[in-house]
């Protein structure tokens, strides 16, 4: 039996922590995931690749995302697709929150 639908302010579902990256998985299925992240200013994810396309939607703040060596600055309300197998990294210019959606099929 599935749980009752609930309306929630998305950005409020994950909180900032000093000098940390916090994540909260909202959906985890074989076909994909939806995860929220909160990055304190200056925190980053080092360069890596993913075997699937990923959509990043910025909920708050500002981030620099490098994709195959090219920088992209995103702010609240903006999104970008991280292409499959392309190296990418993220660095919080200011505290920022994002929703990461990965589709595996």
PDB file of N, CA and C in Angstrom:
ATOM      1  N   UNK A   1       0.845  -1.178   0.000  1.00  0.00           N
ATOM      2  CA  UNK A   1       0.000   0.000   0.000  1.00  0.00           C
ATOM      3  C   UNK A   1       0.891   1.242   0.000  1.00  0.00           C
ATOM      4  N   UNK A   2       0.590   2.209  -0.855  1.00  0.00           N
ATOM      5  CA  UNK A   2       1.406   3.419  -0.941  1.00  0.00           C
ATOM      6  C   UNK A   2       1.002   4.416   0.131  1.00  0.00           C
ATOM      7  N   UNK A   3       1.929   5.332   0.420  1.00  0.00           N
ATOM      8  CA  UNK A   3       1.653   6.338   1.435  1.00  0.00           C
ATOM      9  C   UNK A   3       0.752   7.426   0.865  1.00  0.00           C
ATOM     10  N   UNK A   4       0.112   8.149   1.752  1.00  0.00           N
ATOM     11  CA  UNK A   4      -0.787   9.250   1.372  1.00  0.00           C
ATOM     12  C   UNK A   4       0.027  10.384   0.764  1.00  0.00           C
ATOM     13  N   UNK A   5      -0.416  10.964  -0.368  1.00  0.00           N
ATOM     14  CA  UNK A   5       0.301  12.108  -0.948  1.00  0.00           C
ATOM     15  C   UNK A   5       0.377  13.264   0.045  1.00  0.00           C
ATOM     16  N   UNK A   6       1.504  13.983  -0.001  1.00  0.00           N
ATOM     17  CA  UNK A   6       1.717  15.100   0.919  1.00  0.00           C
ATOM     18  C   UNK A   6       2.359  16.249   0.152  1.00  0.00           C
ATOM     19  N   UNK A   7       1.829  17.439   0.332  1.00  0.00           N
ATOM     20  CA  UNK A   7       2.404  18.628  -0.274  1.00  0.00           C
ATOM     21  C   UNK A   7       3.494  19.152   0.653  1.00  0.00           C
ATOM     22  N   UNK A   8       4.686  19.412   0.072  1.00  0.00           N
ATOM     23  CA  UNK A   8       5.822  19.879   0.880  1.00  0.00           C
ATOM     24  C   UNK A   8       6.594  20.940   0.111  1.00  0.00           C
ATOM     25  N   UNK A   9       7.068  21.987   0.806  1.00  0.00           N
ATOM     26  CA  UNK A   9       7.985  22.933   0.166  1.00  0.00           C
ATOM     27  C   UNK A   9       9.319  22.215  -0.079  1.00  0.00           C
ATOM     28  N   UNK A  10       9.664  21.999  -1.327  1.00  0.00           N
ATOM     29  CA  UNK A  10      10.806  21.168  -1.691  1.00  0.00           C
ATOM     30  C   UNK A  10      12.107  21.591  -1.012  1.00  0.00           C
ATOM     31  N   UNK A  11      12.428  22.874  -1.045  1.00  0.00           N
ATOM     32  CA  UNK A  11      13.700  23.353  -0.481  1.00  0.00           C
ATOM     33  C   UNK A  11      13.772  23.165   1.033  1.00  0.00           C
ATOM     34  N   UNK A  12      12.625  23.016   1.691  1.00  0.00           N
ATOM     35  CA  UNK A  12      12.620  22.844   3.148  1.00  0.00           C
ATOM     36  C   UNK A  12      12.866  21.399   3.582  1.00  0.00           C
ATOM     37  N   UNK A  13      12.924  20.473   2.635  1.00  0.00           N
ATOM     38  CA  UNK A  13      13.073  19.059   2.988  1.00  0.00           C
ATOM     39  C   UNK A  13      14.513  18.648   3.277  1.00  0.00           C
ATOM     40  N   UNK A  14      15.478  19.541   3.018  1.00  0.00           N
ATOM     41  CA  UNK A  14      16.885  19.272   3.319  1.00  0.00           C
ATOM     42  C   UNK A  14      17.464  20.565   3.903  1.00  0.00           C
ATOM     43  N   UNK A  15      18.280  20.438   4.956  1.00  0.00           N
ATOM     44  CA  UNK A  15      18.806  21.606   5.662  1.00  0.00           C
ATOM     45  C   UNK A  15      20.306  21.761   5.477  1.00  0.00           C
ATOM     46  N   UNK A  16      20.753  23.018   5.500  1.00  0.00           N
ATOM     47  CA  UNK A  16      22.180  23.305   5.448  1.00  0.00           C
ATOM     48  C   UNK A  16      22.840  22.882   6.761  1.00  0.00           C
ATOM     49  N   UNK A  17      24.102  22.425   6.653  1.00  0.00           N
ATOM     50  CA  UNK A  17      24.942  22.163   7.817  1.00  0.00           C
ATOM     51  C   UNK A  17      26.302  22.763   7.544  1.00  0.00           C
ATOM     52  N   UNK A  18      26.922  23.375   8.567  1.00  0.00           N
ATOM     53  CA  UNK A  18      28.225  24.018   8.411  1.00  0.00           C
ATOM     54  C   UNK A  18      29.248  23.061   7.828  1.00  0.00           C
ATOM     55  N   UNK A  19      29.957  23.540   6.801  1.00  0.00           N
ATOM     56  CA  UNK A  19      31.071  22.819   6.171  1.00  0.00           C
ATOM     57  C   UNK A  19      30.690  21.409   5.727  1.00  0.00           C
ATOM     58  N   UNK A  20      29.463  21.252   5.242  1.00  0.00           N
ATOM     59  CA  UNK A  20      28.985  19.914   4.881  1.00  0.00           C
ATOM     60  C   UNK A  20      28.153  19.929   3.608  1.00  0.00           C
ATOM     61  N   UNK A  21      28.008  18.729   3.053  1.00  0.00           N
ATOM     62  CA  UNK A  21      27.051  18.453   1.985  1.00  0.00           C
ATOM     63  C   UNK A  21      26.053  17.466   2.580  1.00  0.00           C
ATOM     64  N   UNK A  22      24.783  17.825   2.527  1.00  0.00           N
ATOM     65  CA  UNK A  22      23.726  16.991   3.096  1.00  0.00           C
ATOM     66  C   UNK A  22      22.859  16.494   1.950  1.00  0.00           C
ATOM     67  N   UNK A  23      22.463  15.220   1.998  1.00  0.00           N
ATOM     68  CA  UNK A  23      21.572  14.699   0.960  1.00  0.00           C
ATOM     69  C   UNK A  23      20.391  13.981   1.591  1.00  0.00           C
ATOM     70  N   UNK A  24      19.288  13.974   0.841  1.00  0.00           N
ATOM     71  CA  UNK A  24      18.087  13.263   1.269  1.00  0.00           C
ATOM     72  C   UNK A  24      17.442  12.666   0.025  1.00  0.00           C
ATOM     73  N   UNK A  25      17.341  11.351  -0.021  1.00  0.00           N
ATOM     74  CA  UNK A  25      16.726  10.668  -1.154  1.00  0.00           C
ATOM     75  C   UNK A  25      15.211  10.670  -0.983  1.00  0.00           C
ATOM     76  N   UNK A  26      14.526  11.178  -1.995  1.00  0.00           N
ATOM     77  CA  UNK A  26      13.063  11.210  -1.969  1.00  0.00           C
ATOM     78  C   UNK A  26      12.459   9.999  -2.661  1.00  0.00           C
ATOM     79  N   UNK A  27      13.073   9.587  -3.775  1.00  0.00           N
ATOM     80  CA  UNK A  27      12.602   8.423  -4.530  1.00  0.00           C
ATOM     81  C   UNK A  27      13.821   7.606  -4.930  1.00  0.00           C
ATOM     82  N   UNK A  28      13.755   6.304  -4.705  1.00  0.00           N
ATOM     83  CA  UNK A  28      14.828   5.406  -5.132  1.00  0.00           C
ATOM     84  C   UNK A  28      14.175   4.158  -5.721  1.00  0.00           C
ATOM     85  N   UNK A  29      14.280   4.042  -7.042  1.00  0.00           N
ATOM     86  CA  UNK A  29      13.709   2.911  -7.769  1.00  0.00           C
ATOM     87  C   UNK A  29      14.770   2.364  -8.713  1.00  0.00           C
ATOM     88  N   UNK A  30      14.550   1.187  -9.251  1.00  0.00           N
ATOM     89  CA  UNK A  30      15.479   0.632 -10.237  1.00  0.00           C
ATOM     90  C   UNK A  30      15.604   1.547 -11.451  1.00  0.00           C
ATOM     91  N   UNK A  31      14.545   2.263 -11.769  1.00  0.00           N
ATOM     92  CA  UNK A  31      14.522   3.098 -12.968  1.00  0.00           C
ATOM     93  C   UNK A  31      15.039   4.520 -12.740  1.00  0.00           C
ATOM     94  N   UNK A  32      15.305   4.895 -11.487  1.00  0.00           N
ATOM     95  CA  UNK A  32      15.835   6.230 -11.251  1.00  0.00           C
ATOM     96  C   UNK A  32      15.707   6.686  -9.815  1.00  0.00           C
ATOM     97  N   UNK A  33      16.292   7.862  -9.551  1.00  0.00           N
ATOM     98  CA  UNK A  33      16.273   8.434  -8.206  1.00  0.00           C
ATOM     99  C   UNK A  33      15.997   9.936  -8.278  1.00  0.00           C
ATOM    100  N   UNK A  34      15.455  10.444  -7.179  1.00  0.00           N
ATOM    101  CA  UNK A  34      15.310  11.879  -6.970  1.00  0.00           C
ATOM    102  C   UNK A  34      15.912  12.157  -5.596  1.00  0.00           C
ATOM    103  N   UNK A  35      16.954  13.006  -5.578  1.00  0.00           N
ATOM    104  CA  UNK A  35      17.677  13.290  -4.348  1.00  0.00           C
ATOM    105  C   UNK A  35      17.836  14.787  -4.173  1.00  0.00           C
ATOM    106  N   UNK A  36      17.633  15.267  -2.949  1.00  0.00           N
ATOM    107  CA  UNK A  36      17.868  16.661  -2.613  1.00  0.00           C
ATOM    108  C   UNK A  36      19.242  16.790  -1.963  1.00  0.00           C
ATOM    109  N   UNK A  37      19.925  17.890  -2.246  1.00  0.00           N
ATOM    110  CA  UNK A  37      21.230  18.175  -1.655  1.00  0.00           C
ATOM    111  C   UNK A  37      21.254  19.590  -1.117  1.00  0.00           C
ATOM    112  N   UNK A  38      21.966  19.801  -0.016  1.00  0.00           N
ATOM    113  CA  UNK A  38      22.243  21.134   0.518  1.00  0.00           C
ATOM    114  C   UNK A  38      23.748  21.234   0.721  1.00  0.00           C
ATOM    115  N   UNK A  39      24.387  22.209   0.066  1.00  0.00           N
ATOM    116  CA  UNK A  39      25.834  22.413   0.135  1.00  0.00           C
ATOM    117  C   UNK A  39      26.112  23.701   0.899  1.00  0.00           C
ATOM    118  N   UNK A  40      26.974  23.644   1.902  1.00  0.00           N
ATOM    119  CA  UNK A  40      27.431  24.873   2.531  1.00  0.00           C
ATOM    120  C   UNK A  40      28.363  25.581   1.546  1.00  0.00           C
ATOM    121  N   UNK A  41      28.512  26.900   1.688  1.00  0.00           N
ATOM    122  CA  UNK A  41      29.379  27.669   0.805  1.00  0.00           C
ATOM    123  C   UNK A  41      30.778  27.064   0.744  1.00  0.00           C
ATOM    124  N   UNK A  42      31.304  26.903  -0.471  1.00  0.00           N
ATOM    125  CA  UNK A  42      32.647  26.360  -0.671  1.00  0.00           C
ATOM    126  C   UNK A  42      32.714  24.851  -0.749  1.00  0.00           C
ATOM    127  N   UNK A  43      31.656  24.155  -0.382  1.00  0.00           N
ATOM    128  CA  UNK A  43      31.656  22.688  -0.449  1.00  0.00           C
ATOM    129  C   UNK A  43      31.533  22.262  -1.907  1.00  0.00           C
ATOM    130  N   UNK A  44      32.055  21.067  -2.200  1.00  0.00           N
ATOM    131  CA  UNK A  44      32.054  20.623  -3.593  1.00  0.00           C
ATOM    132  C   UNK A  44      31.982  19.117  -3.711  1.00  0.00           C
ATOM    133  N   UNK A  45      31.647  18.676  -4.918  1.00  0.00           N
ATOM    134  CA  UNK A  45      31.760  17.273  -5.315  1.00  0.00           C
ATOM    135  C   UNK A  45      32.837  17.232  -6.382  1.00  0.00           C
ATOM    136  N   UNK A  46      33.830  16.388  -6.186  1.00  0.00           N
ATOM    137  CA  UNK A  46      34.930  16.311  -7.139  1.00  0.00           C
ATOM    138  C   UNK A  46      34.467  15.721  -8.465  1.00  0.00           C
ATOM    139  N   UNK A  47      35.299  15.888  -9.476  1.00  0.00           N
ATOM    140  CA  UNK A  47      34.951  15.438 -10.818  1.00  0.00           C
ATOM    141  C   UNK A  47      34.677  13.940 -10.845  1.00  0.00           C
ATOM    142  N   UNK A  48      33.605  13.581 -11.518  1.00  0.00           N
ATOM    143  CA  UNK A  48      33.210  12.183 -11.672  1.00  0.00           C
ATOM    144  C   UNK A  48      32.314  12.078 -12.910  1.00  0.00           C
ATOM    145  N   UNK A  49      31.954  10.866 -13.269  1.00  0.00           N
ATOM    146  CA  UNK A  49      31.011  10.637 -14.362  1.00  0.00           C
ATOM    147  C   UNK A  49      29.850   9.808 -13.832  1.00  0.00           C
ATOM    148  N   UNK A  50      28.775   9.772 -14.588  1.00  0.00           N
ATOM    149  CA  UNK A  50      27.618   8.954 -14.231  1.00  0.00           C
ATOM    150  C   UNK A  50      27.176   8.180 -15.476  1.00  0.00           C
ATOM    151  N   UNK A  51      26.689   6.964 -15.279  1.00  0.00           N
ATOM    152  CA  UNK A  51      26.282   6.140 -16.417  1.00  0.00           C
ATOM    153  C   UNK A  51      24.907   6.506 -16.976  1.00  0.00           C
ATOM    154  N   UNK A  52      24.313   7.601 -16.459  1.00  0.00           N
ATOM    155  CA  UNK A  52      22.991   8.032 -16.895  1.00  0.00           C
ATOM    156  C   UNK A  52      22.964   9.558 -16.962  1.00  0.00           C
ATOM    157  N   UNK A  53      22.081  10.095 -17.801  1.00  0.00           N
ATOM    158  CA  UNK A  53      21.842  11.532 -17.771  1.00  0.00           C
ATOM    159  C   UNK A  53      21.287  11.904 -16.400  1.00  0.00           C
ATOM    160  N   UNK A  54      21.608  13.119 -15.951  1.00  0.00           N
ATOM    161  CA  UNK A  54      21.088  13.612 -14.679  1.00  0.00           C
ATOM    162  C   UNK A  54      20.627  15.045 -14.866  1.00  0.00           C
ATOM    163  N   UNK A  55      19.505  15.382 -14.250  1.00  0.00           N
ATOM    164  CA  UNK A  55      18.986  16.737 -14.300  1.00  0.00           C
ATOM    165  C   UNK A  55      19.209  17.387 -12.940  1.00  0.00           C
ATOM    166  N   UNK A  56      19.875  18.549 -12.935  1.00  0.00           N
ATOM    167  CA  UNK A  56      20.098  19.328 -11.722  1.00  0.00           C
ATOM    168  C   UNK A  56      19.171  20.532 -11.771  1.00  0.00           C
ATOM    169  N   UNK A  57      18.360  20.708 -10.715  1.00  0.00           N
ATOM    170  CA  UNK A  57      17.502  21.875 -10.582  1.00  0.00           C
ATOM    171  C   UNK A  57      17.889  22.589  -9.294  1.00  0.00           C
ATOM    172  N   UNK A  58      18.295  23.855  -9.410  1.00  0.00           N
ATOM    173  CA  UNK A  58      18.753  24.625  -8.243  1.00  0.00           C
ATOM    174  C   UNK A  58      17.542  25.214  -7.521  1.00  0.00           C
ATOM    175  N   UNK A  59      17.426  24.858  -6.241  1.00  0.00           N
ATOM    176  CA  UNK A  59      16.311  25.303  -5.405  1.00  0.00           C
ATOM    177  C   UNK A  59      16.636  26.572  -4.627  1.00  0.00           C
ATOM    178  N   UNK A  60      17.936  26.825  -4.394  1.00  0.00           N
ATOM    179  CA  UNK A  60      18.354  27.964  -3.588  1.00  0.00           C
ATOM    180  C   UNK A  60      19.836  28.205  -3.830  1.00  0.00           C
ATOM    181  N   UNK A  61      20.278  29.448  -3.760  1.00  0.00           N
ATOM    182  CA  UNK A  61      21.695  29.760  -3.798  1.00  0.00           C
ATOM    183  C   UNK A  61      22.298  29.787  -5.185  1.00  0.00           C
ATOM    184  N   UNK A  62      23.614  29.473  -5.238  1.00  0.00           N
ATOM    185  CA  UNK A  62      24.370  29.586  -6.485  1.00  0.00           C
ATOM    186  C   UNK A  62      25.478  28.535  -6.515  1.00  0.00           C
ATOM    187  N   UNK A  63      25.657  27.898  -7.675  1.00  0.00           N
ATOM    188  CA  UNK A  63      26.626  26.817  -7.837  1.00  0.00           C
ATOM    189  C   UNK A  63      27.369  26.971  -9.162  1.00  0.00           C
ATOM    190  N   UNK A  64      28.627  26.554  -9.160  1.00  0.00           N
ATOM    191  CA  UNK A  64      29.372  26.403 -10.403  1.00  0.00           C
ATOM    192  C   UNK A  64      29.440  24.914 -10.709  1.00  0.00           C
ATOM    193  N   UNK A  65      28.959  24.557 -11.893  1.00  0.00           N
ATOM    194  CA  UNK A  65      29.016  23.166 -12.343  1.00  0.00           C
ATOM    195  C   UNK A  65      29.949  23.114 -13.543  1.00  0.00           C
ATOM    196  N   UNK A  66      30.966  22.275 -13.448  1.00  0.00           N
ATOM    197  CA  UNK A  66      31.885  22.060 -14.568  1.00  0.00           C
ATOM    198  C   UNK A  66      31.432  20.800 -15.298  1.00  0.00           C
ATOM    199  N   UNK A  67      31.281  20.913 -16.615  1.00  0.00           N
ATOM    200  CA  UNK A  67      30.927  19.760 -17.443  1.00  0.00           C
ATOM    201  C   UNK A  67      31.966  19.685 -18.549  1.00  0.00           C
ATOM    202  N   UNK A  68      32.736  18.620 -18.563  1.00  0.00           N
ATOM    203  CA  UNK A  68      33.796  18.422 -19.561  1.00  0.00           C
ATOM    204  C   UNK A  68      34.680  19.664 -19.684  1.00  0.00           C
ATOM    205  N   UNK A  69      35.043  20.259 -18.539  1.00  0.00           N
ATOM    206  CA  UNK A  69      35.957  21.394 -18.509  1.00  0.00           C
ATOM    207  C   UNK A  69      35.323  22.758 -18.725  1.00  0.00           C
ATOM    208  N   UNK A  70      34.026  22.813 -19.034  1.00  0.00           N
ATOM    209  CA  UNK A  70      33.343  24.094 -19.238  1.00  0.00           C
ATOM    210  C   UNK A  70      32.529  24.465 -17.998  1.00  0.00           C
ATOM    211  N   UNK A  71      32.691  25.719 -17.500  1.00  0.00           N
ATOM    212  CA  UNK A  71      31.957  26.132 -16.292  1.00  0.00           C
ATOM    213  C   UNK A  71      30.554  26.662 -16.628  1.00  0.00           C
ATOM    214  N   UNK A  72      29.609  26.345 -15.761  1.00  0.00           N
ATOM    215  CA  UNK A  72      28.240  26.840 -15.856  1.00  0.00           C
ATOM    216  C   UNK A  72      27.840  27.338 -14.478  1.00  0.00           C
ATOM    217  N   UNK A  73      27.383  28.581 -14.392  1.00  0.00           N
ATOM    218  CA  UNK A  73      26.932  29.150 -13.122  1.00  0.00           C
ATOM    219  C   UNK A  73      25.410  29.090 -13.110  1.00  0.00           C
ATOM    220  N   UNK A  74      24.855  28.437 -12.095  1.00  0.00           N
ATOM    221  CA  UNK A  74      23.406  28.306 -11.971  1.00  0.00           C
ATOM    222  C   UNK A  74      22.944  28.943 -10.676  1.00  0.00           C
ATOM    223  N   UNK A  75      21.754  29.555 -10.732  1.00  0.00           N
ATOM    224  CA  UNK A  75      21.124  30.184  -9.574  1.00  0.00           C
ATOM    225  C   UNK A  75      19.738  29.592  -9.381  1.00  0.00           C
ATOM    226  N   UNK A  76      19.120  29.975  -8.275  1.00  0.00           N
ATOM    227  CA  UNK A  76      17.781  29.502  -7.920  1.00  0.00           C
ATOM    228  C   UNK A  76      16.842  29.557  -9.124  1.00  0.00           C
ATOM    229  N   UNK A  77      16.156  28.435  -9.363  1.00  0.00           N
ATOM    230  CA  UNK A  77      15.182  28.353 -10.436  1.00  0.00           C
ATOM    231  C   UNK A  77      15.741  27.881 -11.764  1.00  0.00           C
ATOM    232  N   UNK A  78      17.064  27.689 -11.851  1.00  0.00           N
ATOM    233  CA  UNK A  78      17.679  27.250 -13.105  1.00  0.00           C
ATOM    234  C   UNK A  78      18.017  25.769 -13.049  1.00  0.00           C
ATOM    235  N   UNK A  79      18.131  25.176 -14.239  1.00  0.00           N
ATOM    236  CA  UNK A  79      18.458  23.749 -14.320  1.00  0.00           C
ATOM    237  C   UNK A  79      19.449  23.510 -15.437  1.00  0.00           C
ATOM    238  N   UNK A  80      20.098  22.331 -15.362  1.00  0.00           N
ATOM    239  CA  UNK A  80      21.021  21.895 -16.409  1.00  0.00           C
ATOM    240  C   UNK A  80      21.000  20.372 -16.438  1.00  0.00           C
ATOM    241  N   UNK A  81      21.260  19.812 -17.592  1.00  0.00           N
ATOM    242  CA  UNK A  81      21.363  18.358 -17.719  1.00  0.00           C
ATOM    243  C   UNK A  81      22.838  17.987 -17.766  1.00  0.00           C
ATOM    244  N   UNK A  82      23.222  17.043 -16.924  1.00  0.00           N
ATOM    245  CA  UNK A  82      24.574  16.497 -16.922  1.00  0.00           C
ATOM    246  C   UNK A  82      24.552  15.278 -17.846  1.00  0.00           C
ATOM    247  N   UNK A  83      25.209  15.363 -19.004  1.00  0.00           N
ATOM    248  CA  UNK A  83      25.135  14.269 -19.977  1.00  0.00           C
ATOM    249  C   UNK A  83      25.830  12.984 -19.488  1.00  0.00           C
ATOM    250  N   UNK A  84      25.299  11.882 -19.921  1.00  0.00           N
ATOM    251  CA  UNK A  84      25.842  10.569 -19.587  1.00  0.00           C
ATOM    252  C   UNK A  84      27.337  10.504 -19.910  1.00  0.00           C
ATOM    253  N   UNK A  85      28.111   9.943 -19.006  1.00  0.00           N
ATOM    254  CA  UNK A  85      29.544   9.681 -19.153  1.00  0.00           C
ATOM    255  C   UNK A  85      30.420  10.920 -19.356  1.00  0.00           C
ATOM    256  N   UNK A  86      29.879  12.137 -19.195  1.00  0.00           N
ATOM    257  CA  UNK A  86      30.684  13.351 -19.291  1.00  0.00           C
ATOM    258  C   UNK A  86      31.196  13.710 -17.896  1.00  0.00           C
ATOM    259  N   UNK A  87      32.491  14.000 -17.742  1.00  0.00           N
ATOM    260  CA  UNK A  87      33.001  14.367 -16.421  1.00  0.00           C
ATOM    261  C   UNK A  87      32.385  15.685 -15.951  1.00  0.00           C
ATOM    262  N   UNK A  88      31.980  15.704 -14.681  1.00  0.00           N
ATOM    263  CA  UNK A  88      31.387  16.910 -14.113  1.00  0.00           C
ATOM    264  C   UNK A  88      31.741  17.020 -12.632  1.00  0.00           C
ATOM    265  N   UNK A  89      31.707  18.254 -12.136  1.00  0.00           N
ATOM    266  CA  UNK A  89      31.943  18.534 -10.725  1.00  0.00           C
ATOM    267  C   UNK A  89      31.068  19.716 -10.330  1.00  0.00           C
ATOM    268  N   UNK A  90      30.893  19.897  -9.019  1.00  0.00           N
ATOM    269  CA  UNK A  90      30.062  20.975  -8.509  1.00  0.00           C
ATOM    270  C   UNK A  90      30.788  21.678  -7.371  1.00  0.00           C
ATOM    271  N   UNK A  91      30.636  23.015  -7.303  1.00  0.00           N
ATOM    272  CA  UNK A  91      31.179  23.785  -6.187  1.00  0.00           C
ATOM    273  C   UNK A  91      30.191  24.876  -5.810  1.00  0.00           C
ATOM    274  N   UNK A  92      29.867  24.949  -4.524  1.00  0.00           N
ATOM    275  CA  UNK A  92      28.930  25.955  -4.033  1.00  0.00           C
ATOM    276  C   UNK A  92      29.605  27.318  -3.987  1.00  0.00           C
ATOM    277  N   UNK A  93      29.160  28.231  -4.846  1.00  0.00           N
ATOM    278  CA  UNK A  93      29.653  29.607  -4.810  1.00  0.00           C
ATOM    279  C   UNK A  93      29.092  30.286  -3.564  1.00  0.00           C
ATOM    280  N   UNK A  94      27.807  30.054  -3.324  1.00  0.00           N
ATOM    281  CA  UNK A  94      27.105  30.437  -2.102  1.00  0.00           C
ATOM    282  C   UNK A  94      26.437  29.164  -1.617  1.00  0.00           C
ATOM    283  N   UNK A  95      25.923  29.152  -0.409  1.00  0.00           N
ATOM    284  CA  UNK A  95      25.133  28.000   0.015  1.00  0.00           C
ATOM    285  C   UNK A  95      24.112  27.722  -1.080  1.00  0.00           C
ATOM    286  N   UNK A  96      23.936  26.452  -1.408  1.00  0.00           N
ATOM    287  CA  UNK A  96      22.912  26.152  -2.411  1.00  0.00           C
ATOM    288  C   UNK A  96      22.274  24.797  -2.157  1.00  0.00           C
ATOM    289  N   UNK A  97      21.044  24.686  -2.655  1.00  0.00           N
ATOM    290  CA  UNK A  97      20.291  23.438  -2.595  1.00  0.00           C
ATOM    291  C   UNK A  97      19.899  23.049  -4.014  1.00  0.00           C
ATOM    292  N   UNK A  98      19.902  21.749  -4.263  1.00  0.00           N
ATOM    293  CA  UNK A  98      19.494  21.273  -5.586  1.00  0.00           C
ATOM    294  C   UNK A  98      18.709  19.982  -5.465  1.00  0.00           C
ATOM    295  N   UNK A  99      17.927  19.739  -6.510  1.00  0.00           N
ATOM    296  CA  UNK A  99      17.267  18.456  -6.679  1.00  0.00           C
ATOM    297  C   UNK A  99      17.963  17.777  -7.852  1.00  0.00           C
ATOM    298  N   UNK A 100      18.424  16.562  -7.634  1.00  0.00           N
ATOM    299  CA  UNK A 100      19.095  15.779  -8.674  1.00  0.00           C
ATOM    300  C   UNK A 100      18.171  14.638  -9.070  1.00  0.00           C
ATOM    301  N   UNK A 101      17.836  14.587 -10.355  1.00  0.00           N
ATOM    302  CA  UNK A 101      16.965  13.521 -10.871  1.00  0.00           C
ATOM    303  C   UNK A 101      17.778  12.702 -11.866  1.00  0.00           C
ATOM    304  N   UNK A 102      17.899  11.404 -11.589  1.00  0.00           N
ATOM    305  CA  UNK A 102      18.596  10.486 -12.485  1.00  0.00           C
ATOM    306  C   UNK A 102      17.599   9.458 -13.002  1.00  0.00           C
ATOM    307  N   UNK A 103      17.575   9.298 -14.312  1.00  0.00           N
ATOM    308  CA  UNK A 103      16.701   8.316 -14.952  1.00  0.00           C
ATOM    309  C   UNK A 103      17.591   7.222 -15.525  1.00  0.00           C
ATOM    310  N   UNK A 104      17.370   5.998 -15.089  1.00  0.00           N
ATOM    311  CA  UNK A 104      18.262   4.911 -15.470  1.00  0.00           C
ATOM    312  C   UNK A 104      17.785   4.111 -16.682  1.00  0.00           C
ATOM    313  N   UNK A 105      16.688   4.465 -17.261  1.00  0.00           N
ATOM    314  CA  UNK A 105      16.207   3.699 -18.416  1.00  0.00           C
ATOM    315  C   UNK A 105      15.805   4.613 -19.549  1.00  0.00           C
TER     316      UNK A 105
END
